[in-house]
Amino acid sequence: MWEASDISSAWLNLMRESLNGQVFAHRHPDFLAVAAVHGTAHLTLFDQSMWDRYGLAANAGGKIAANTFVTEREGVAPTDDRQKIDGFYGVGNNSIRTLQRRGAVMIACHDSIHAIARGVVAKSGTGDPDMVAADLTNNLIEGVVLVPSVVAYIVELQNAGFTYAKAA
C-alpha cells in the first residue's frame, strides 16, 4: 500500500516498479498494489472536466496544466516487452489507467475532497463547498474506491496485512 499525498512525488512510478518487481522478479502474479491517495496527489483522481471546471491546475502548484496522470500512453498493451521503456510496463507509461488495468486499486479520500472543495471556493470567492465536494466526488475517475478518510483507512489496510510505503 502506497500512501500518496504529494502530486509531484514519484508515487505512480514507485507503484509500477513495485508491481513489476513483485510480479516478474519475485513471481507473485497475484500481488495487489493499493494507492491510499490524499493531499495534492488526490487531484489525479478527478477527471479532466473537474480540472477545467474548478481550475485544479492551480491547486497542483501551477506546474501541471491537465490531469495527465490518468492517461495511458497510446499504443501500449500487456503484450509489450517488459523491457520496453515506453511500453505497458515501462517507466514511460506511469499512468493510473495502466496501473488499474494491472489490478492496482486507487483509494480516494472524502476528507481530502472536502478540503479541495473548500480551497476552490475560497479562491473563487463564490460557491458552496458542500456542492463542490459533491460534484468532485461524483466525478472521480472510473474504478476509484472512495473511503471517508484515507489516513484512517491506512490502518485498516495494515490490519488486513498490507505493508505501508510512503511515496515522498
N, C-alpha and C. Protein backbone atom coordinates (compact mmCIF):
# COMPACT_ATOMS: atom_id res chain seq x y z
N MET A 1 0.85 -1.16 0.00
CA MET A 1 0.00 0.00 0.00
C MET A 1 0.89 1.23 0.00
N TRP A 2 0.67 2.07 -0.99
CA TRP A 2 1.43 3.31 -1.12
C TRP A 2 0.58 4.47 -0.65
N GLU A 3 1.09 5.22 0.32
CA GLU A 3 0.43 6.46 0.70
C GLU A 3 0.97 7.54 -0.22
N ALA A 4 0.08 8.17 -0.96
CA ALA A 4 0.46 9.23 -1.89
C ALA A 4 -0.24 10.52 -1.49
N SER A 5 0.54 11.52 -1.12
CA SER A 5 -0.07 12.78 -0.70
C SER A 5 0.44 13.99 -1.48
N ASP A 6 1.50 13.83 -2.25
CA ASP A 6 2.09 14.95 -2.99
C ASP A 6 2.03 14.65 -4.48
N ILE A 7 1.35 15.51 -5.22
CA ILE A 7 1.17 15.30 -6.65
C ILE A 7 2.49 15.21 -7.41
N SER A 8 3.52 15.87 -6.90
CA SER A 8 4.80 15.89 -7.61
C SER A 8 5.73 14.75 -7.19
N SER A 9 5.28 13.90 -6.26
CA SER A 9 6.12 12.77 -5.87
C SER A 9 6.04 11.67 -6.93
N ALA A 10 6.90 10.69 -6.80
CA ALA A 10 7.01 9.62 -7.80
C ALA A 10 6.13 8.42 -7.48
N TRP A 11 4.97 8.65 -6.88
CA TRP A 11 4.17 7.52 -6.41
C TRP A 11 3.72 6.58 -7.51
N LEU A 12 3.36 7.10 -8.67
CA LEU A 12 2.94 6.21 -9.77
C LEU A 12 4.12 5.35 -10.25
N ASN A 13 5.28 5.95 -10.34
CA ASN A 13 6.48 5.22 -10.74
C ASN A 13 6.82 4.14 -9.70
N LEU A 14 6.73 4.50 -8.42
CA LEU A 14 7.03 3.53 -7.37
C LEU A 14 6.04 2.37 -7.37
N MET A 15 4.77 2.67 -7.62
CA MET A 15 3.79 1.59 -7.70
C MET A 15 4.07 0.68 -8.89
N ARG A 16 4.41 1.29 -10.04
CA ARG A 16 4.73 0.49 -11.23
C ARG A 16 5.94 -0.40 -10.96
N GLU A 17 6.99 0.18 -10.37
CA GLU A 17 8.20 -0.59 -10.06
C GLU A 17 7.89 -1.72 -9.08
N SER A 18 7.07 -1.44 -8.08
CA SER A 18 6.69 -2.44 -7.11
C SER A 18 5.94 -3.60 -7.77
N LEU A 19 4.98 -3.25 -8.62
CA LEU A 19 4.24 -4.29 -9.35
C LEU A 19 5.18 -5.12 -10.22
N ASN A 20 6.04 -4.44 -10.97
CA ASN A 20 6.97 -5.17 -11.84
C ASN A 20 7.86 -6.10 -11.04
N GLY A 21 8.42 -5.61 -9.95
CA GLY A 21 9.30 -6.43 -9.13
C GLY A 21 8.59 -7.62 -8.52
N GLN A 22 7.41 -7.39 -7.97
CA GLN A 22 6.67 -8.48 -7.33
C GLN A 22 6.18 -9.51 -8.34
N VAL A 23 5.66 -9.04 -9.47
CA VAL A 23 5.09 -9.96 -10.45
C VAL A 23 6.18 -10.69 -11.24
N PHE A 24 7.17 -9.94 -11.73
CA PHE A 24 8.14 -10.54 -12.64
C PHE A 24 9.38 -11.11 -11.94
N ALA A 25 9.92 -10.41 -10.96
CA ALA A 25 11.14 -10.89 -10.29
C ALA A 25 10.83 -11.87 -9.17
N HIS A 26 9.82 -11.58 -8.37
CA HIS A 26 9.52 -12.42 -7.21
C HIS A 26 8.41 -13.43 -7.48
N ARG A 27 7.87 -13.40 -8.68
CA ARG A 27 6.87 -14.38 -9.13
C ARG A 27 5.61 -14.41 -8.26
N HIS A 28 5.09 -13.22 -7.98
CA HIS A 28 3.82 -13.09 -7.24
C HIS A 28 2.79 -12.48 -8.19
N PRO A 29 2.23 -13.28 -9.10
CA PRO A 29 1.30 -12.73 -10.09
C PRO A 29 0.02 -12.16 -9.47
N ASP A 30 -0.29 -12.54 -8.24
CA ASP A 30 -1.49 -12.05 -7.58
C ASP A 30 -1.21 -10.86 -6.65
N PHE A 31 -0.03 -10.26 -6.77
CA PHE A 31 0.34 -9.12 -5.92
C PHE A 31 -0.67 -7.98 -6.11
N LEU A 32 -1.13 -7.42 -5.01
CA LEU A 32 -2.11 -6.34 -5.06
C LEU A 32 -1.47 -5.05 -4.56
N ALA A 33 -1.42 -4.06 -5.41
CA ALA A 33 -0.91 -2.74 -5.05
C ALA A 33 -2.10 -1.81 -4.84
N VAL A 34 -2.05 -1.06 -3.74
CA VAL A 34 -3.11 -0.12 -3.40
C VAL A 34 -2.49 1.26 -3.21
N ALA A 35 -3.13 2.28 -3.76
CA ALA A 35 -2.69 3.66 -3.54
C ALA A 35 -3.70 4.33 -2.62
N ALA A 36 -3.24 4.74 -1.44
CA ALA A 36 -4.07 5.50 -0.50
C ALA A 36 -3.77 6.97 -0.77
N VAL A 37 -4.65 7.63 -1.50
CA VAL A 37 -4.38 8.94 -2.07
C VAL A 37 -5.10 10.05 -1.30
N HIS A 38 -4.33 11.09 -0.96
CA HIS A 38 -4.91 12.28 -0.33
C HIS A 38 -3.99 13.46 -0.63
N GLY A 39 -4.25 14.60 -0.02
CA GLY A 39 -3.44 15.79 -0.27
C GLY A 39 -3.52 16.20 -1.74
N THR A 40 -2.46 16.83 -2.25
CA THR A 40 -2.48 17.28 -3.65
C THR A 40 -2.46 16.11 -4.63
N ALA A 41 -1.96 14.95 -4.22
CA ALA A 41 -1.99 13.77 -5.11
C ALA A 41 -3.43 13.39 -5.45
N HIS A 42 -4.36 13.77 -4.58
CA HIS A 42 -5.76 13.44 -4.81
C HIS A 42 -6.30 14.07 -6.09
N LEU A 43 -5.71 15.17 -6.51
CA LEU A 43 -6.16 15.83 -7.74
C LEU A 43 -6.09 14.89 -8.94
N THR A 44 -5.19 13.93 -8.91
CA THR A 44 -5.03 12.99 -10.02
C THR A 44 -6.24 12.07 -10.18
N LEU A 45 -7.08 11.98 -9.16
CA LEU A 45 -8.22 11.06 -9.20
C LEU A 45 -9.49 11.68 -9.74
N PHE A 46 -9.44 12.97 -10.12
CA PHE A 46 -10.59 13.64 -10.72
C PHE A 46 -10.46 13.66 -12.23
N ASP A 47 -11.57 13.51 -12.92
CA ASP A 47 -11.49 13.56 -14.38
C ASP A 47 -11.19 14.99 -14.85
N GLN A 48 -10.82 15.10 -16.10
CA GLN A 48 -10.37 16.38 -16.65
C GLN A 48 -11.45 17.46 -16.57
N SER A 49 -12.72 17.06 -16.65
CA SER A 49 -13.78 18.07 -16.57
C SER A 49 -13.74 18.81 -15.23
N MET A 50 -13.33 18.14 -14.17
CA MET A 50 -13.23 18.79 -12.85
C MET A 50 -12.01 19.73 -12.81
N TRP A 51 -10.94 19.31 -13.46
CA TRP A 51 -9.76 20.18 -13.55
C TRP A 51 -10.13 21.47 -14.27
N ASP A 52 -10.90 21.34 -15.33
CA ASP A 52 -11.31 22.51 -16.11
C ASP A 52 -12.32 23.37 -15.33
N ARG A 53 -13.34 22.75 -14.76
CA ARG A 53 -14.40 23.48 -14.08
C ARG A 53 -13.90 24.25 -12.86
N TYR A 54 -13.00 23.62 -12.09
CA TYR A 54 -12.58 24.23 -10.83
C TYR A 54 -11.14 24.74 -10.82
N GLY A 55 -10.50 24.76 -11.98
CA GLY A 55 -9.14 25.27 -12.05
C GLY A 55 -8.18 24.52 -11.16
N LEU A 56 -8.28 23.19 -11.16
CA LEU A 56 -7.48 22.38 -10.26
C LEU A 56 -5.99 22.45 -10.55
N ALA A 57 -5.61 22.88 -11.74
CA ALA A 57 -4.18 23.04 -12.04
C ALA A 57 -3.54 24.01 -11.05
N ALA A 58 -4.27 25.03 -10.64
CA ALA A 58 -3.74 25.99 -9.66
C ALA A 58 -3.48 25.30 -8.32
N ASN A 59 -4.31 24.32 -7.97
CA ASN A 59 -4.11 23.56 -6.73
C ASN A 59 -2.91 22.63 -6.82
N ALA A 60 -2.52 22.32 -8.04
CA ALA A 60 -1.38 21.43 -8.27
C ALA A 60 -0.07 22.21 -8.34
N GLY A 61 -0.10 23.45 -7.94
CA GLY A 61 1.12 24.25 -7.94
C GLY A 61 1.34 25.02 -9.22
N GLY A 62 0.41 24.91 -10.16
CA GLY A 62 0.51 25.66 -11.41
C GLY A 62 1.49 25.07 -12.41
N LYS A 63 2.22 24.03 -12.05
CA LYS A 63 3.20 23.42 -12.97
C LYS A 63 2.57 22.34 -13.86
N ILE A 64 1.38 21.93 -13.49
CA ILE A 64 0.69 20.87 -14.20
C ILE A 64 -0.61 21.44 -14.75
N ALA A 65 -0.74 21.46 -16.06
CA ALA A 65 -1.89 22.12 -16.69
C ALA A 65 -3.11 21.22 -16.82
N ALA A 66 -2.91 19.91 -16.83
CA ALA A 66 -4.01 18.98 -17.05
C ALA A 66 -3.73 17.69 -16.27
N ASN A 67 -4.77 16.90 -16.12
CA ASN A 67 -4.61 15.63 -15.42
C ASN A 67 -4.04 14.57 -16.36
N THR A 68 -2.74 14.65 -16.57
CA THR A 68 -2.04 13.70 -17.44
C THR A 68 -1.71 12.40 -16.70
N PHE A 69 -1.98 12.35 -15.42
CA PHE A 69 -1.65 11.18 -14.61
C PHE A 69 -2.53 9.97 -14.94
N VAL A 70 -3.71 10.23 -15.46
CA VAL A 70 -4.65 9.16 -15.78
C VAL A 70 -4.32 8.54 -17.13
N THR A 71 -3.91 9.35 -18.06
CA THR A 71 -3.78 8.96 -19.46
C THR A 71 -2.71 7.90 -19.69
N GLU A 72 -3.15 6.81 -20.28
CA GLU A 72 -2.24 5.74 -20.66
C GLU A 72 -1.56 6.11 -21.97
N ARG A 73 -0.28 5.77 -22.09
CA ARG A 73 0.47 6.03 -23.31
C ARG A 73 -0.22 5.32 -24.47
N GLU A 74 -0.43 6.02 -25.55
CA GLU A 74 -1.11 5.47 -26.71
C GLU A 74 -0.33 4.28 -27.29
N GLY A 75 -1.06 3.24 -27.63
CA GLY A 75 -0.47 2.08 -28.29
C GLY A 75 0.16 1.04 -27.38
N VAL A 76 0.10 1.23 -26.06
CA VAL A 76 0.69 0.23 -25.18
C VAL A 76 -0.30 -0.92 -24.97
N ALA A 77 0.26 -2.09 -24.66
CA ALA A 77 -0.57 -3.27 -24.43
C ALA A 77 0.16 -4.23 -23.50
N PRO A 78 -0.58 -5.05 -22.78
CA PRO A 78 0.05 -6.03 -21.89
C PRO A 78 0.99 -7.00 -22.60
N THR A 79 0.89 -7.08 -23.92
CA THR A 79 1.79 -7.95 -24.69
C THR A 79 3.14 -7.29 -24.96
N ASP A 80 3.33 -6.02 -24.58
CA ASP A 80 4.60 -5.33 -24.78
C ASP A 80 5.73 -6.05 -24.06
N ASP A 81 6.92 -5.95 -24.62
CA ASP A 81 8.13 -6.45 -23.96
C ASP A 81 8.28 -5.73 -22.62
N ARG A 82 8.56 -6.46 -21.57
CA ARG A 82 8.71 -5.87 -20.24
C ARG A 82 9.84 -4.86 -20.16
N GLN A 83 10.80 -4.97 -21.04
CA GLN A 83 11.97 -4.09 -21.02
C GLN A 83 11.77 -2.81 -21.84
N LYS A 84 10.68 -2.72 -22.56
CA LYS A 84 10.41 -1.55 -23.40
C LYS A 84 10.08 -0.35 -22.52
N ILE A 85 10.93 0.66 -22.53
CA ILE A 85 10.80 1.81 -21.64
C ILE A 85 9.46 2.53 -21.81
N ASP A 86 8.99 2.67 -23.04
CA ASP A 86 7.73 3.36 -23.29
C ASP A 86 6.56 2.38 -23.43
N GLY A 87 6.78 1.12 -23.08
CA GLY A 87 5.74 0.11 -23.19
C GLY A 87 4.82 0.08 -21.99
N PHE A 88 3.96 -0.89 -21.99
CA PHE A 88 2.93 -1.06 -20.96
C PHE A 88 3.53 -1.11 -19.56
N TYR A 89 4.68 -1.76 -19.40
CA TYR A 89 5.31 -1.95 -18.09
C TYR A 89 6.43 -0.96 -17.81
N GLY A 90 6.72 -0.10 -18.76
CA GLY A 90 7.90 0.77 -18.67
C GLY A 90 7.69 2.10 -17.98
N VAL A 91 8.81 2.70 -17.65
CA VAL A 91 8.83 3.98 -16.95
C VAL A 91 8.17 5.10 -17.76
N GLY A 92 8.10 4.95 -19.07
CA GLY A 92 7.45 5.95 -19.92
C GLY A 92 5.93 5.86 -19.90
N ASN A 93 5.39 4.96 -19.09
CA ASN A 93 3.94 4.77 -19.04
C ASN A 93 3.47 4.67 -17.59
N ASN A 94 3.85 5.64 -16.78
CA ASN A 94 3.40 5.67 -15.38
C ASN A 94 2.01 6.30 -15.34
N SER A 95 1.00 5.51 -15.57
CA SER A 95 -0.35 6.07 -15.61
C SER A 95 -1.29 5.31 -14.68
N ILE A 96 -2.22 6.04 -14.13
CA ILE A 96 -3.23 5.44 -13.26
C ILE A 96 -4.01 4.38 -14.03
N ARG A 97 -4.40 4.68 -15.26
CA ARG A 97 -5.20 3.74 -16.05
C ARG A 97 -4.44 2.41 -16.24
N THR A 98 -3.15 2.48 -16.56
CA THR A 98 -2.38 1.25 -16.73
C THR A 98 -2.28 0.48 -15.42
N LEU A 99 -2.01 1.19 -14.33
CA LEU A 99 -1.94 0.51 -13.04
C LEU A 99 -3.26 -0.17 -12.71
N GLN A 100 -4.36 0.50 -12.98
CA GLN A 100 -5.67 -0.11 -12.74
C GLN A 100 -5.86 -1.34 -13.62
N ARG A 101 -5.45 -1.27 -14.86
CA ARG A 101 -5.56 -2.42 -15.76
C ARG A 101 -4.75 -3.60 -15.25
N ARG A 102 -3.69 -3.29 -14.51
CA ARG A 102 -2.84 -4.34 -13.94
C ARG A 102 -3.36 -4.83 -12.59
N GLY A 103 -4.47 -4.25 -12.12
CA GLY A 103 -5.09 -4.70 -10.88
C GLY A 103 -4.90 -3.79 -9.69
N ALA A 104 -4.13 -2.71 -9.84
CA ALA A 104 -3.92 -1.78 -8.72
C ALA A 104 -5.24 -1.08 -8.38
N VAL A 105 -5.38 -0.75 -7.12
CA VAL A 105 -6.58 -0.10 -6.63
C VAL A 105 -6.22 1.30 -6.13
N MET A 106 -6.99 2.29 -6.56
CA MET A 106 -6.82 3.67 -6.12
C MET A 106 -7.90 3.98 -5.10
N ILE A 107 -7.47 4.42 -3.92
CA ILE A 107 -8.39 4.75 -2.84
C ILE A 107 -8.45 6.27 -2.71
N ALA A 108 -9.64 6.84 -2.81
CA ALA A 108 -9.85 8.28 -2.70
C ALA A 108 -10.31 8.63 -1.29
N CYS A 109 -9.96 9.82 -0.86
CA CYS A 109 -10.25 10.29 0.49
C CYS A 109 -11.35 11.36 0.48
N HIS A 110 -12.47 11.06 1.13
CA HIS A 110 -13.57 12.02 1.17
C HIS A 110 -13.17 13.28 1.94
N ASP A 111 -12.36 13.14 2.98
CA ASP A 111 -11.87 14.32 3.71
C ASP A 111 -11.05 15.22 2.79
N SER A 112 -10.20 14.63 1.95
CA SER A 112 -9.40 15.43 1.02
C SER A 112 -10.29 16.13 0.00
N ILE A 113 -11.34 15.46 -0.44
CA ILE A 113 -12.26 16.07 -1.39
C ILE A 113 -12.88 17.33 -0.78
N HIS A 114 -13.28 17.23 0.47
CA HIS A 114 -13.86 18.41 1.14
C HIS A 114 -12.82 19.52 1.31
N ALA A 115 -11.58 19.17 1.61
CA ALA A 115 -10.53 20.19 1.74
C ALA A 115 -10.28 20.87 0.40
N ILE A 116 -10.24 20.09 -0.67
CA ILE A 116 -10.05 20.65 -2.01
C ILE A 116 -11.23 21.57 -2.34
N ALA A 117 -12.44 21.13 -2.05
CA ALA A 117 -13.64 21.94 -2.32
C ALA A 117 -13.59 23.26 -1.56
N ARG A 118 -13.20 23.23 -0.30
CA ARG A 118 -13.10 24.47 0.48
C ARG A 118 -12.06 25.40 -0.14
N GLY A 119 -10.95 24.85 -0.61
CA GLY A 119 -9.93 25.65 -1.26
C GLY A 119 -10.41 26.28 -2.56
N VAL A 120 -11.16 25.51 -3.34
CA VAL A 120 -11.72 26.02 -4.60
C VAL A 120 -12.65 27.19 -4.32
N VAL A 121 -13.53 27.04 -3.35
CA VAL A 121 -14.49 28.10 -3.02
C VAL A 121 -13.76 29.32 -2.46
N ALA A 122 -12.77 29.10 -1.62
CA ALA A 122 -12.01 30.22 -1.06
C ALA A 122 -11.30 31.01 -2.15
N LYS A 123 -10.73 30.33 -3.14
CA LYS A 123 -10.03 31.02 -4.24
C LYS A 123 -10.99 31.78 -5.14
N SER A 124 -12.15 31.20 -5.39
CA SER A 124 -13.10 31.84 -6.30
C SER A 124 -13.95 32.90 -5.60
N GLY A 125 -14.11 32.75 -4.31
CA GLY A 125 -14.94 33.68 -3.56
C GLY A 125 -16.42 33.43 -3.69
N THR A 126 -16.79 32.37 -4.41
CA THR A 126 -18.21 32.04 -4.58
C THR A 126 -18.40 30.53 -4.50
N GLY A 127 -19.64 30.15 -4.23
CA GLY A 127 -19.99 28.74 -4.25
C GLY A 127 -20.16 28.15 -2.87
N ASP A 128 -20.67 26.94 -2.86
CA ASP A 128 -20.92 26.20 -1.64
C ASP A 128 -19.93 25.02 -1.60
N PRO A 129 -19.07 24.97 -0.60
CA PRO A 129 -18.09 23.88 -0.54
C PRO A 129 -18.71 22.49 -0.59
N ASP A 130 -19.87 22.32 0.03
CA ASP A 130 -20.52 21.00 0.02
C ASP A 130 -20.98 20.62 -1.39
N MET A 131 -21.45 21.60 -2.15
CA MET A 131 -21.87 21.33 -3.54
C MET A 131 -20.65 21.00 -4.42
N VAL A 132 -19.57 21.73 -4.22
CA VAL A 132 -18.34 21.45 -4.98
C VAL A 132 -17.82 20.06 -4.61
N ALA A 133 -17.82 19.74 -3.32
CA ALA A 133 -17.37 18.42 -2.87
C ALA A 133 -18.22 17.31 -3.49
N ALA A 134 -19.53 17.53 -3.56
CA ALA A 134 -20.41 16.53 -4.18
C ALA A 134 -20.08 16.35 -5.66
N ASP A 135 -19.85 17.46 -6.35
CA ASP A 135 -19.50 17.41 -7.77
C ASP A 135 -18.18 16.67 -7.97
N LEU A 136 -17.18 17.01 -7.16
CA LEU A 136 -15.88 16.33 -7.26
C LEU A 136 -16.03 14.83 -6.98
N THR A 137 -16.79 14.50 -5.95
CA THR A 137 -17.00 13.09 -5.58
C THR A 137 -17.66 12.33 -6.72
N ASN A 138 -18.61 12.95 -7.39
CA ASN A 138 -19.32 12.30 -8.49
C ASN A 138 -18.49 12.23 -9.77
N ASN A 139 -17.34 12.86 -9.77
CA ASN A 139 -16.50 12.87 -10.98
C ASN A 139 -15.10 12.34 -10.71
N LEU A 140 -15.01 11.38 -9.80
CA LEU A 140 -13.76 10.63 -9.65
C LEU A 140 -13.58 9.77 -10.90
N ILE A 141 -12.35 9.49 -11.25
CA ILE A 141 -12.13 8.65 -12.42
C ILE A 141 -12.68 7.25 -12.15
N GLU A 142 -13.01 6.57 -13.22
CA GLU A 142 -13.61 5.24 -13.12
C GLU A 142 -12.73 4.28 -12.32
N GLY A 143 -13.38 3.51 -11.47
CA GLY A 143 -12.70 2.45 -10.74
C GLY A 143 -12.11 2.86 -9.40
N VAL A 144 -12.16 4.14 -9.06
CA VAL A 144 -11.61 4.62 -7.79
C VAL A 144 -12.57 4.23 -6.66
N VAL A 145 -12.01 3.82 -5.53
CA VAL A 145 -12.79 3.46 -4.35
C VAL A 145 -12.74 4.63 -3.37
N LEU A 146 -13.90 5.09 -2.94
CA LEU A 146 -14.00 6.22 -2.02
C LEU A 146 -14.14 5.73 -0.59
N VAL A 147 -13.31 6.29 0.31
CA VAL A 147 -13.41 5.99 1.74
C VAL A 147 -13.56 7.32 2.50
N PRO A 148 -14.11 7.28 3.71
CA PRO A 148 -14.28 8.53 4.46
C PRO A 148 -12.97 9.26 4.73
N SER A 149 -11.94 8.52 5.12
CA SER A 149 -10.65 9.11 5.46
C SER A 149 -9.54 8.13 5.08
N VAL A 150 -8.67 8.53 4.17
CA VAL A 150 -7.56 7.65 3.77
C VAL A 150 -6.63 7.39 4.95
N VAL A 151 -6.39 8.41 5.77
CA VAL A 151 -5.48 8.24 6.90
C VAL A 151 -6.01 7.15 7.83
N ALA A 152 -7.30 7.13 8.07
CA ALA A 152 -7.89 6.08 8.89
C ALA A 152 -7.89 4.74 8.15
N TYR A 153 -8.09 4.77 6.85
CA TYR A 153 -8.15 3.54 6.06
C TYR A 153 -6.79 2.86 5.96
N ILE A 154 -5.73 3.64 6.03
CA ILE A 154 -4.38 3.06 6.02
C ILE A 154 -4.22 2.06 7.16
N VAL A 155 -4.74 2.40 8.32
CA VAL A 155 -4.69 1.50 9.47
C VAL A 155 -5.45 0.21 9.16
N GLU A 156 -6.62 0.35 8.54
CA GLU A 156 -7.40 -0.83 8.18
C GLU A 156 -6.64 -1.73 7.20
N LEU A 157 -5.98 -1.11 6.23
CA LEU A 157 -5.18 -1.89 5.28
C LEU A 157 -4.03 -2.61 5.98
N GLN A 158 -3.36 -1.92 6.90
CA GLN A 158 -2.28 -2.55 7.64
C GLN A 158 -2.81 -3.70 8.50
N ASN A 159 -3.95 -3.52 9.13
CA ASN A 159 -4.56 -4.59 9.93
C ASN A 159 -4.93 -5.79 9.06
N ALA A 160 -5.19 -5.55 7.78
CA ALA A 160 -5.52 -6.64 6.85
C ALA A 160 -4.27 -7.28 6.25
N GLY A 161 -3.08 -6.80 6.65
CA GLY A 161 -1.84 -7.42 6.21
C GLY A 161 -1.06 -6.65 5.15
N PHE A 162 -1.54 -5.50 4.74
CA PHE A 162 -0.81 -4.70 3.76
C PHE A 162 0.42 -4.07 4.40
N THR A 163 1.46 -3.95 3.65
CA THR A 163 2.68 -3.27 4.08
C THR A 163 2.60 -1.81 3.66
N TYR A 164 2.99 -0.93 4.55
CA TYR A 164 2.93 0.51 4.31
C TYR A 164 4.19 0.99 3.60
N ALA A 165 4.01 1.83 2.59
CA ALA A 165 5.11 2.52 1.93
C ALA A 165 4.68 3.95 1.66
N LYS A 166 5.53 4.89 1.96
CA LYS A 166 5.23 6.32 1.73
C LYS A 166 5.93 6.75 0.45
N ALA A 167 5.15 7.31 -0.46
CA ALA A 167 5.71 7.88 -1.69
C ALA A 167 5.99 9.35 -1.40
N ALA A 168 7.20 9.64 -0.96
CA ALA A 168 7.55 11.00 -0.52
C ALA A 168 7.40 12.03 -1.59
